[in-house]
């Protein structure tokens, strides 16, 4: 593979990783939204806890390979 193709491939990989991280962060926020809906409506504590955990996992996955620590808790 020539250097130009390698740079192009690396750039594509970088953009794909950024898109996946953005998607994971969005999913964490959506999960948080539904958790808040359940919490404000008196929903199941067990389901709220599962959504909390799920949002944490999604947010941690979004930070993989970044400068930020994966688990901030």
C-alpha atoms as a PDB file:
ATOM      1  CA  UNK A   1       0.000   0.000   0.000  1.00  0.00           C
ATOM      2  CA  UNK A   2       1.413   3.384  -0.925  1.00  0.00           C
ATOM      3  CA  UNK A   3       1.744   6.194   1.666  1.00  0.00           C
ATOM      4  CA  UNK A   4      -1.210   8.132   0.210  1.00  0.00           C
ATOM      5  CA  UNK A   5      -3.477   5.071   0.516  1.00  0.00           C
ATOM      6  CA  UNK A   6      -2.244   4.462   4.059  1.00  0.00           C
ATOM      7  CA  UNK A   7      -3.068   8.066   5.060  1.00  0.00           C
ATOM      8  CA  UNK A   8      -6.469   7.786   3.422  1.00  0.00           C
ATOM      9  CA  UNK A   9      -7.166   4.498   5.205  1.00  0.00           C
ATOM     10  CA  UNK A  10      -6.066   5.958   8.545  1.00  0.00           C
ATOM     11  CA  UNK A  11      -8.280   8.999   7.986  1.00  0.00           C
ATOM     12  CA  UNK A  12     -11.275   6.773   7.174  1.00  0.00           C
ATOM     13  CA  UNK A  13     -10.633   4.722  10.313  1.00  0.00           C
ATOM     14  CA  UNK A  14     -10.399   7.902  12.397  1.00  0.00           C
ATOM     15  CA  UNK A  15     -13.689   9.245  10.999  1.00  0.00           C
ATOM     16  CA  UNK A  16     -15.403   5.895  11.570  1.00  0.00           C
ATOM     17  CA  UNK A  17     -14.188   5.783  15.175  1.00  0.00           C
ATOM     18  CA  UNK A  18     -15.377   9.341  15.786  1.00  0.00           C
ATOM     19  CA  UNK A  19     -18.792   8.495  14.302  1.00  0.00           C
ATOM     20  CA  UNK A  20     -19.083   5.427  16.531  1.00  0.00           C
ATOM     21  CA  UNK A  21     -18.083   7.450  19.609  1.00  0.00           C
ATOM     22  CA  UNK A  22     -20.677  10.097  18.748  1.00  0.00           C
ATOM     23  CA  UNK A  23     -23.301   7.375  18.334  1.00  0.00           C
ATOM     24  CA  UNK A  24     -22.368   5.787  21.680  1.00  0.00           C
ATOM     25  CA  UNK A  25     -22.555   9.167  23.435  1.00  0.00           C
ATOM     26  CA  UNK A  26     -25.951   9.814  21.861  1.00  0.00           C
ATOM     27  CA  UNK A  27     -27.208   6.416  22.995  1.00  0.00           C
ATOM     28  CA  UNK A  28     -25.979   7.163  26.533  1.00  0.00           C
ATOM     29  CA  UNK A  29     -27.939  10.438  26.514  1.00  0.00           C
ATOM     30  CA  UNK A  30     -31.086   8.737  25.157  1.00  0.00           C
ATOM     31  CA  UNK A  31     -30.789   6.072  27.844  1.00  0.00           C
ATOM     32  CA  UNK A  32     -30.413   8.822  30.440  1.00  0.00           C
ATOM     33  CA  UNK A  33     -33.520  10.538  29.104  1.00  0.00           C
ATOM     34  CA  UNK A  34     -35.622   7.381  29.486  1.00  0.00           C
ATOM     35  CA  UNK A  35     -34.175   6.809  32.938  1.00  0.00           C
ATOM     36  CA  UNK A  36     -35.278  10.319  33.915  1.00  0.00           C
ATOM     37  CA  UNK A  37     -38.765   9.670  32.489  1.00  0.00           C
ATOM     38  CA  UNK A  38     -39.050   6.512  34.567  1.00  0.00           C
ATOM     39  CA  UNK A  39     -37.696   8.236  37.657  1.00  0.00           C
ATOM     40  CA  UNK A  40     -40.128  11.160  37.404  1.00  0.00           C
ATOM     41  CA  UNK A  41     -43.089   8.854  36.813  1.00  0.00           C
ATOM     42  CA  UNK A  42     -42.322   6.523  39.710  1.00  0.00           C
ATOM     43  CA  UNK A  43     -41.053   3.707  37.521  1.00  0.00           C
ATOM     44  CA  UNK A  44     -39.390   0.514  38.619  1.00  0.00           C
ATOM     45  CA  UNK A  45     -36.229   1.068  40.653  1.00  0.00           C
ATOM     46  CA  UNK A  46     -34.706  -2.060  39.130  1.00  0.00           C
ATOM     47  CA  UNK A  47     -35.272  -0.808  35.581  1.00  0.00           C
ATOM     48  CA  UNK A  48     -33.914   2.616  36.501  1.00  0.00           C
ATOM     49  CA  UNK A  49     -30.775   0.959  37.898  1.00  0.00           C
ATOM     50  CA  UNK A  50     -30.360  -1.074  34.696  1.00  0.00           C
ATOM     51  CA  UNK A  51     -30.664   2.088  32.604  1.00  0.00           C
ATOM     52  CA  UNK A  52     -28.104   3.830  34.822  1.00  0.00           C
ATOM     53  CA  UNK A  53     -25.683   0.969  34.275  1.00  0.00           C
ATOM     54  CA  UNK A  54     -26.373   0.838  30.546  1.00  0.00           C
ATOM     55  CA  UNK A  55     -25.761   4.585  30.176  1.00  0.00           C
ATOM     56  CA  UNK A  56     -22.475   4.232  32.098  1.00  0.00           C
ATOM     57  CA  UNK A  57     -21.335   1.374  29.835  1.00  0.00           C
ATOM     58  CA  UNK A  58     -22.217   3.307  26.680  1.00  0.00           C
ATOM     59  CA  UNK A  59     -20.428   6.434  27.909  1.00  0.00           C
ATOM     60  CA  UNK A  60     -17.355   4.399  28.899  1.00  0.00           C
ATOM     61  CA  UNK A  61     -17.283   2.712  25.490  1.00  0.00           C
ATOM     62  CA  UNK A  62     -17.411   6.132  23.827  1.00  0.00           C
ATOM     63  CA  UNK A  63     -14.236   7.080  25.712  1.00  0.00           C
ATOM     64  CA  UNK A  64     -12.221   3.988  24.737  1.00  0.00           C
ATOM     65  CA  UNK A  65      -8.861   4.879  23.168  1.00  0.00           C
ATOM     66  CA  UNK A  66      -9.276   8.508  24.158  1.00  0.00           C
ATOM     67  CA  UNK A  67      -7.295  10.582  26.630  1.00  0.00           C
ATOM     68  CA  UNK A  68     -10.205  10.481  29.097  1.00  0.00           C
ATOM     69  CA  UNK A  69     -10.325   7.752  31.741  1.00  0.00           C
ATOM     70  CA  UNK A  70     -12.836   5.046  30.799  1.00  0.00           C
ATOM     71  CA  UNK A  71     -14.526   4.825  34.204  1.00  0.00           C
ATOM     72  CA  UNK A  72     -14.826   8.178  35.910  1.00  0.00           C
ATOM     73  CA  UNK A  73     -16.920   6.854  38.845  1.00  0.00           C
END
